[in-house]
């Protein structure tokens, strides 16, 4: 029997529609699974206070060092049986790193409400970006380099503001991060749909980082603008 293969000719990937659907399906399942270690890591961090000492430059070094080491390991193991466990270990680490912000927000009388609002907002952004990715026909691969530059500028700004300690700067960085990583979400989803990304572990890592950054930035913004003290 002949098997019909639909290719994405404008991008030149030549990946069958069936394979693209399989990558997307596996990515969604693994992305959902990755949220469990994140929640566990955040709970452990809040319950034990293990990350409370990680502030300022030390916190930034631990976070960046750990994150880049894990991402390097994930890329090295993405085609082996170790790929999924390494990714899940990374999401646990990210939950730990997030616990300090969550602990601060929980210190507000409406902290739980702010966390749920940030979660709902992140889910809403994902739904909108996934819907857009499914209807946009043009190739968005050219967005990658501009988004990468934007993310680098954002990182530099965050490091500078860490020493300056400006609340207005933090708000500006949070708003910019929401915009940049929402766009990254659209880009990464479109890459999967168009066949530009064929490894579901790499695809999950990219989308997880998008979601993490949008959620973290939304939570920081809500904490600054809507946090209520008793």
Foldseek 3Di string as FASTA:
>chain_A
DDDDADALPVVPQRHGQVLLVVLVVLLVVLLVVLVVLLQVLLVVCLVVVPCVVLAFPNVVCCVVVLLVVLVVVLVVCLVHPCNSVSSSVNSNVLSNSLNVLLNLLVQFPCSVVLLVVLVVVLVVLLVVLLVCLVPDSDQPLVCVVVLVVLVVVLVVLVNVCSVVVDPVSLLVSLVSLLVSLSVQSSNLSNCSSNNVDSRSSVSNVSNSVSSSSSSSSSSSNCCSPPGHHD
